[in-house]
Each structure stands twice: as C-alpha cells, then as structure tokens.
Amino acid sequence: MTIINIDLKDPRPIFEQVRDGLKNLIICGVLKPDEKIPSVRDMAQNLAINPNTIQKAYRELETEGYVYQVTGKGTFVAPIVAGEHDDKIEKLMTEVLDLARELIYLGVSKEEIKESLDSL
C-alpha cells in the first residue's frame, strides 16, 4: 500500500516529494506520534524508486524534527514537545504574516484570509 504519490512531471526532486508527502501526512494527523513509518526498503519498493532517495527524505525529516530513528527498530513519527520548536514557530508565523500581507496587496480581504484560516 502506497501512502504517498510521486508525480514524475513535478519539477521537484523525488526525495523532496517523498519528504513533503510524509510531512503532510504527519501534519494532517494521518501518521500519529510514535507511529512507525514504512522502512526505507518497503517505501522504495512501494514507490518503485531507489532506496537512497527514500533514505535522503527520511534524513531530512529527522533533521527537521518530524521523525526519529531507533536503531534496529525503524523510523517513527516524532511527538511534539512543548517549547522545542519555538524558533520554527516564530519563522512560520513570520511567513504567514508575509503571505497575508501579499494576499491583502493582491486584493484579498482580511475577512477572507480569516475565513480560510478558520476552515482549517
């Protein structure tokens, strides 16, 4: 069973598509904290791509704090620890504000932006 899709027409490298696909599943709650994700070998077989590509995506997810590895057991979704991601939260909030300013410049009202955020 494949949990993410690779689009060969997408200009992004395949490892980025794998990373972003898994990150999206984690963010949306499909993959829960401490849940084991497919092994590099299984994911490579399911997606029919090189295991080194999967390994690179997993390494990036680990560096970003989305997963952790347990030697001999596999790769797991990292739990959220309060206060551990303050720098990342601040960076993302700045990006959200920058995007909101650009949307307002393009004619989107604050109310429309708020409605979009409320729909999450």
N, C-alpha and C. Protein backbone atom coordinates (compact mmCIF):
# COMPACT_ATOMS: atom_id res chain seq x y z
N MET A 1 0.84 -1.19 0.00
CA MET A 1 0.00 0.00 0.00
C MET A 1 0.88 1.25 0.00
N THR A 2 0.68 2.12 -0.96
CA THR A 2 1.44 3.36 -1.06
C THR A 2 0.70 4.45 -0.30
N ILE A 3 1.44 5.15 0.56
CA ILE A 3 0.80 6.20 1.34
C ILE A 3 1.05 7.59 0.76
N ILE A 4 1.96 7.69 -0.20
CA ILE A 4 2.20 8.95 -0.88
C ILE A 4 2.32 8.68 -2.37
N ASN A 5 2.15 9.73 -3.16
CA ASN A 5 2.25 9.60 -4.61
C ASN A 5 3.41 10.42 -5.13
N ILE A 6 4.10 9.89 -6.12
CA ILE A 6 5.19 10.59 -6.78
C ILE A 6 4.69 11.02 -8.15
N ASP A 7 4.89 12.30 -8.45
CA ASP A 7 4.49 12.85 -9.75
C ASP A 7 5.75 13.09 -10.57
N LEU A 8 5.97 12.27 -11.58
CA LEU A 8 7.17 12.38 -12.39
C LEU A 8 7.21 13.68 -13.19
N LYS A 9 6.07 14.36 -13.33
CA LYS A 9 6.03 15.64 -14.04
C LYS A 9 6.36 16.81 -13.11
N ASP A 10 6.35 16.54 -11.80
CA ASP A 10 6.68 17.56 -10.80
C ASP A 10 8.17 17.91 -10.94
N PRO A 11 8.49 19.20 -11.04
CA PRO A 11 9.91 19.57 -11.20
C PRO A 11 10.76 19.35 -9.94
N ARG A 12 10.11 19.14 -8.80
CA ARG A 12 10.87 18.92 -7.56
C ARG A 12 11.54 17.54 -7.60
N PRO A 13 12.72 17.42 -6.98
CA PRO A 13 13.35 16.10 -6.88
C PRO A 13 12.44 15.12 -6.15
N ILE A 14 12.59 13.84 -6.46
CA ILE A 14 11.73 12.81 -5.87
C ILE A 14 11.87 12.77 -4.36
N PHE A 15 13.09 12.93 -3.83
CA PHE A 15 13.24 12.89 -2.37
C PHE A 15 12.43 13.99 -1.70
N GLU A 16 12.32 15.16 -2.35
CA GLU A 16 11.51 16.25 -1.79
C GLU A 16 10.03 15.89 -1.82
N GLN A 17 9.59 15.23 -2.87
CA GLN A 17 8.20 14.81 -2.94
C GLN A 17 7.89 13.79 -1.85
N VAL A 18 8.82 12.88 -1.60
CA VAL A 18 8.64 11.88 -0.54
C VAL A 18 8.61 12.59 0.82
N ARG A 19 9.59 13.47 1.04
CA ARG A 19 9.66 14.22 2.30
C ARG A 19 8.37 15.02 2.52
N ASP A 20 7.96 15.77 1.51
CA ASP A 20 6.78 16.62 1.66
C ASP A 20 5.50 15.79 1.83
N GLY A 21 5.43 14.65 1.14
CA GLY A 21 4.27 13.77 1.28
C GLY A 21 4.15 13.22 2.69
N LEU A 22 5.27 12.76 3.24
CA LEU A 22 5.25 12.24 4.61
C LEU A 22 5.00 13.36 5.62
N LYS A 23 5.61 14.51 5.38
CA LYS A 23 5.40 15.65 6.28
C LYS A 23 3.93 16.03 6.31
N ASN A 24 3.29 16.04 5.15
CA ASN A 24 1.87 16.36 5.07
C ASN A 24 1.03 15.35 5.84
N LEU A 25 1.36 14.06 5.72
CA LEU A 25 0.63 13.03 6.46
C LEU A 25 0.80 13.20 7.98
N ILE A 26 1.97 13.63 8.39
CA ILE A 26 2.22 13.87 9.82
C ILE A 26 1.44 15.09 10.29
N ILE A 27 1.53 16.17 9.53
CA ILE A 27 0.86 17.43 9.90
C ILE A 27 -0.65 17.24 9.96
N CYS A 28 -1.20 16.48 9.02
CA CYS A 28 -2.65 16.26 8.97
C CYS A 28 -3.12 15.22 9.98
N GLY A 29 -2.21 14.57 10.68
CA GLY A 29 -2.58 13.61 11.71
C GLY A 29 -2.86 12.21 11.20
N VAL A 30 -2.59 11.95 9.91
CA VAL A 30 -2.76 10.60 9.38
C VAL A 30 -1.73 9.68 10.04
N LEU A 31 -0.51 10.18 10.18
CA LEU A 31 0.54 9.46 10.90
C LEU A 31 0.65 10.08 12.28
N LYS A 32 0.49 9.29 13.30
CA LYS A 32 0.44 9.76 14.69
C LYS A 32 1.82 9.72 15.35
N PRO A 33 2.02 10.54 16.40
CA PRO A 33 3.28 10.50 17.14
C PRO A 33 3.62 9.08 17.60
N ASP A 34 4.88 8.74 17.46
CA ASP A 34 5.45 7.44 17.83
C ASP A 34 4.98 6.29 16.93
N GLU A 35 4.25 6.59 15.86
CA GLU A 35 3.84 5.56 14.91
C GLU A 35 5.01 5.25 13.98
N LYS A 36 5.21 3.98 13.72
CA LYS A 36 6.29 3.55 12.83
C LYS A 36 5.88 3.83 11.39
N ILE A 37 6.81 4.41 10.64
CA ILE A 37 6.55 4.63 9.23
C ILE A 37 7.23 3.50 8.44
N PRO A 38 6.84 3.29 7.19
CA PRO A 38 7.43 2.19 6.44
C PRO A 38 8.95 2.27 6.38
N SER A 39 9.59 1.11 6.37
CA SER A 39 11.05 1.08 6.27
C SER A 39 11.48 1.67 4.94
N VAL A 40 12.74 2.05 4.86
CA VAL A 40 13.29 2.58 3.62
C VAL A 40 13.08 1.58 2.50
N ARG A 41 13.36 0.33 2.77
CA ARG A 41 13.23 -0.72 1.75
C ARG A 41 11.77 -0.86 1.30
N ASP A 42 10.84 -0.92 2.25
CA ASP A 42 9.42 -1.05 1.90
C ASP A 42 8.92 0.15 1.10
N MET A 43 9.29 1.34 1.54
CA MET A 43 8.84 2.55 0.84
C MET A 43 9.43 2.58 -0.58
N ALA A 44 10.70 2.21 -0.71
CA ALA A 44 11.33 2.19 -2.03
C ALA A 44 10.64 1.19 -2.95
N GLN A 45 10.29 0.02 -2.43
CA GLN A 45 9.59 -0.98 -3.24
C GLN A 45 8.20 -0.50 -3.62
N ASN A 46 7.48 0.07 -2.68
CA ASN A 46 6.12 0.55 -2.95
C ASN A 46 6.09 1.66 -3.99
N LEU A 47 7.08 2.55 -3.93
CA LEU A 47 7.11 3.68 -4.86
C LEU A 47 7.94 3.39 -6.11
N ALA A 48 8.62 2.24 -6.11
CA ALA A 48 9.49 1.84 -7.24
C ALA A 48 10.57 2.89 -7.50
N ILE A 49 11.22 3.32 -6.41
CA ILE A 49 12.34 4.26 -6.55
C ILE A 49 13.51 3.78 -5.71
N ASN A 50 14.65 4.37 -5.93
CA ASN A 50 15.89 3.97 -5.28
C ASN A 50 15.82 4.17 -3.75
N PRO A 51 16.25 3.17 -2.98
CA PRO A 51 16.26 3.31 -1.52
C PRO A 51 17.07 4.50 -1.02
N ASN A 52 18.13 4.88 -1.74
CA ASN A 52 18.93 6.04 -1.33
C ASN A 52 18.10 7.33 -1.36
N THR A 53 17.16 7.39 -2.29
CA THR A 53 16.27 8.54 -2.38
C THR A 53 15.37 8.61 -1.15
N ILE A 54 14.83 7.48 -0.75
CA ILE A 54 13.99 7.42 0.45
C ILE A 54 14.81 7.77 1.68
N GLN A 55 16.03 7.23 1.76
CA GLN A 55 16.90 7.49 2.91
C GLN A 55 17.17 8.99 3.04
N LYS A 56 17.38 9.67 1.92
CA LYS A 56 17.63 11.11 1.95
C LYS A 56 16.40 11.85 2.48
N ALA A 57 15.22 11.45 2.03
CA ALA A 57 13.98 12.08 2.52
C ALA A 57 13.82 11.86 4.02
N TYR A 58 14.08 10.63 4.48
CA TYR A 58 13.96 10.31 5.90
C TYR A 58 14.97 11.11 6.73
N ARG A 59 16.20 11.25 6.21
CA ARG A 59 17.22 12.03 6.92
C ARG A 59 16.78 13.48 7.08
N GLU A 60 16.22 14.05 6.02
CA GLU A 60 15.75 15.43 6.10
C GLU A 60 14.60 15.58 7.10
N LEU A 61 13.68 14.62 7.08
CA LEU A 61 12.58 14.66 8.04
C LEU A 61 13.10 14.57 9.47
N GLU A 62 14.13 13.78 9.67
CA GLU A 62 14.72 13.66 11.01
C GLU A 62 15.40 14.97 11.41
N THR A 63 16.13 15.57 10.48
CA THR A 63 16.79 16.85 10.75
C THR A 63 15.77 17.93 11.10
N GLU A 64 14.61 17.89 10.42
CA GLU A 64 13.56 18.87 10.67
C GLU A 64 12.73 18.56 11.91
N GLY A 65 12.95 17.40 12.52
CA GLY A 65 12.27 17.05 13.76
C GLY A 65 10.93 16.35 13.59
N TYR A 66 10.62 15.88 12.39
CA TYR A 66 9.34 15.21 12.14
C TYR A 66 9.38 13.71 12.46
N VAL A 67 10.56 13.11 12.37
CA VAL A 67 10.70 11.69 12.67
C VAL A 67 11.95 11.46 13.50
N TYR A 68 12.03 10.29 14.09
CA TYR A 68 13.24 9.87 14.79
C TYR A 68 13.48 8.40 14.47
N GLN A 69 14.74 8.01 14.57
CA GLN A 69 15.10 6.63 14.27
C GLN A 69 15.50 5.90 15.54
N VAL A 70 15.10 4.64 15.60
CA VAL A 70 15.53 3.75 16.67
C VAL A 70 16.30 2.62 16.00
N THR A 71 17.57 2.52 16.33
CA THR A 71 18.43 1.53 15.70
C THR A 71 17.84 0.13 15.84
N GLY A 72 17.71 -0.54 14.72
CA GLY A 72 17.19 -1.89 14.70
C GLY A 72 15.67 -1.99 14.75
N LYS A 73 14.99 -0.88 14.97
CA LYS A 73 13.52 -0.89 15.08
C LYS A 73 12.85 -0.17 13.92
N GLY A 74 13.46 0.92 13.45
CA GLY A 74 12.87 1.66 12.34
C GLY A 74 12.77 3.15 12.60
N THR A 75 11.93 3.79 11.79
CA THR A 75 11.73 5.23 11.85
C THR A 75 10.32 5.50 12.32
N PHE A 76 10.18 6.46 13.23
CA PHE A 76 8.91 6.75 13.88
C PHE A 76 8.60 8.24 13.80
N VAL A 77 7.31 8.56 13.86
CA VAL A 77 6.86 9.96 13.88
C VAL A 77 7.23 10.55 15.24
N ALA A 78 7.88 11.70 15.20
CA ALA A 78 8.31 12.36 16.44
C ALA A 78 7.13 13.04 17.12
N PRO A 79 7.01 12.89 18.43
CA PRO A 79 5.96 13.60 19.16
C PRO A 79 6.31 15.09 19.27
N ILE A 80 5.29 15.91 19.43
CA ILE A 80 5.51 17.35 19.62
C ILE A 80 5.81 17.59 21.09
N VAL A 81 6.93 18.26 21.33
CA VAL A 81 7.33 18.60 22.69
C VAL A 81 7.21 20.11 22.85
N ALA A 82 6.40 20.54 23.82
CA ALA A 82 6.16 21.97 24.04
C ALA A 82 7.48 22.71 24.24
N GLY A 83 7.62 23.83 23.55
CA GLY A 83 8.80 24.67 23.69
C GLY A 83 9.98 24.24 22.83
N GLU A 84 9.91 23.06 22.25
CA GLU A 84 11.04 22.54 21.48
C GLU A 84 11.14 23.19 20.10
N HIS A 85 10.04 23.72 19.60
CA HIS A 85 10.00 24.24 18.24
C HIS A 85 9.73 25.74 18.19
N ASP A 86 10.09 26.46 19.23
CA ASP A 86 9.79 27.89 19.29
C ASP A 86 10.38 28.67 18.13
N ASP A 87 11.63 28.36 17.74
CA ASP A 87 12.26 29.07 16.63
C ASP A 87 11.52 28.80 15.33
N LYS A 88 11.14 27.56 15.11
CA LYS A 88 10.43 27.20 13.89
C LYS A 88 9.05 27.86 13.87
N ILE A 89 8.39 27.89 15.01
CA ILE A 89 7.07 28.53 15.10
C ILE A 89 7.18 30.02 14.75
N GLU A 90 8.18 30.67 15.29
CA GLU A 90 8.38 32.09 15.02
C GLU A 90 8.63 32.32 13.53
N LYS A 91 9.46 31.49 12.92
CA LYS A 91 9.76 31.60 11.49
C LYS A 91 8.50 31.40 10.65
N LEU A 92 7.72 30.37 10.98
CA LEU A 92 6.49 30.09 10.22
C LEU A 92 5.46 31.20 10.40
N MET A 93 5.35 31.75 11.61
CA MET A 93 4.41 32.86 11.83
C MET A 93 4.80 34.07 10.99
N THR A 94 6.09 34.34 10.88
CA THR A 94 6.56 35.43 10.03
C THR A 94 6.17 35.18 8.58
N GLU A 95 6.33 33.93 8.12
CA GLU A 95 5.95 33.58 6.76
C GLU A 95 4.45 33.76 6.54
N VAL A 96 3.64 33.36 7.52
CA VAL A 96 2.19 33.51 7.41
C VAL A 96 1.83 35.00 7.28
N LEU A 97 2.44 35.82 8.11
CA LEU A 97 2.16 37.26 8.05
C LEU A 97 2.59 37.86 6.71
N ASP A 98 3.75 37.44 6.21
CA ASP A 98 4.21 37.92 4.91
C ASP A 98 3.24 37.51 3.80
N LEU A 99 2.77 36.25 3.86
CA LEU A 99 1.80 35.79 2.86
C LEU A 99 0.48 36.55 2.98
N ALA A 100 0.05 36.82 4.20
CA ALA A 100 -1.20 37.57 4.40
C ALA A 100 -1.07 38.98 3.83
N ARG A 101 0.07 39.61 4.05
CA ARG A 101 0.29 40.96 3.51
C ARG A 101 0.23 40.93 1.98
N GLU A 102 0.83 39.90 1.40
CA GLU A 102 0.82 39.79 -0.07
C GLU A 102 -0.60 39.55 -0.58
N LEU A 103 -1.36 38.71 0.12
CA LEU A 103 -2.75 38.47 -0.27
C LEU A 103 -3.57 39.76 -0.19
N ILE A 104 -3.36 40.55 0.85
CA ILE A 104 -4.07 41.82 1.00
C ILE A 104 -3.69 42.76 -0.14
N TYR A 105 -2.40 42.79 -0.47
CA TYR A 105 -1.93 43.61 -1.59
C TYR A 105 -2.62 43.21 -2.90
N LEU A 106 -2.86 41.89 -3.05
CA LEU A 106 -3.49 41.37 -4.28
C LEU A 106 -5.01 41.51 -4.26
N GLY A 107 -5.55 42.08 -3.18
CA GLY A 107 -6.98 42.36 -3.15
C GLY A 107 -7.82 41.42 -2.32
N VAL A 108 -7.21 40.48 -1.61
CA VAL A 108 -7.96 39.58 -0.75
C VAL A 108 -8.19 40.30 0.58
N SER A 109 -9.43 40.27 1.06
CA SER A 109 -9.74 40.96 2.31
C SER A 109 -9.24 40.17 3.52
N LYS A 110 -9.05 40.90 4.62
CA LYS A 110 -8.64 40.24 5.86
C LYS A 110 -9.68 39.20 6.28
N GLU A 111 -10.94 39.52 6.03
CA GLU A 111 -12.01 38.60 6.40
C GLU A 111 -11.89 37.29 5.63
N GLU A 112 -11.57 37.38 4.33
CA GLU A 112 -11.40 36.16 3.52
C GLU A 112 -10.22 35.33 4.03
N ILE A 113 -9.16 36.02 4.41
CA ILE A 113 -8.00 35.32 4.96
C ILE A 113 -8.38 34.62 6.27
N LYS A 114 -9.11 35.34 7.13
CA LYS A 114 -9.54 34.75 8.40
C LYS A 114 -10.44 33.54 8.17
N GLU A 115 -11.36 33.65 7.20
CA GLU A 115 -12.25 32.52 6.89
C GLU A 115 -11.45 31.30 6.43
N SER A 116 -10.44 31.56 5.62
CA SER A 116 -9.59 30.44 5.16
C SER A 116 -8.88 29.77 6.33
N LEU A 117 -8.38 30.59 7.26
CA LEU A 117 -7.69 30.04 8.43
C LEU A 117 -8.68 29.30 9.34
N ASP A 118 -9.88 29.85 9.46
CA ASP A 118 -10.89 29.21 10.32
C ASP A 118 -11.35 27.86 9.76
N SER A 119 -11.19 27.66 8.45
CA SER A 119 -11.62 26.41 7.84
C SER A 119 -10.64 25.26 8.09
N LEU A 120 -9.50 25.56 8.68
CA LEU A 120 -8.51 24.50 8.97
C LEU A 120 -9.00 23.53 10.00
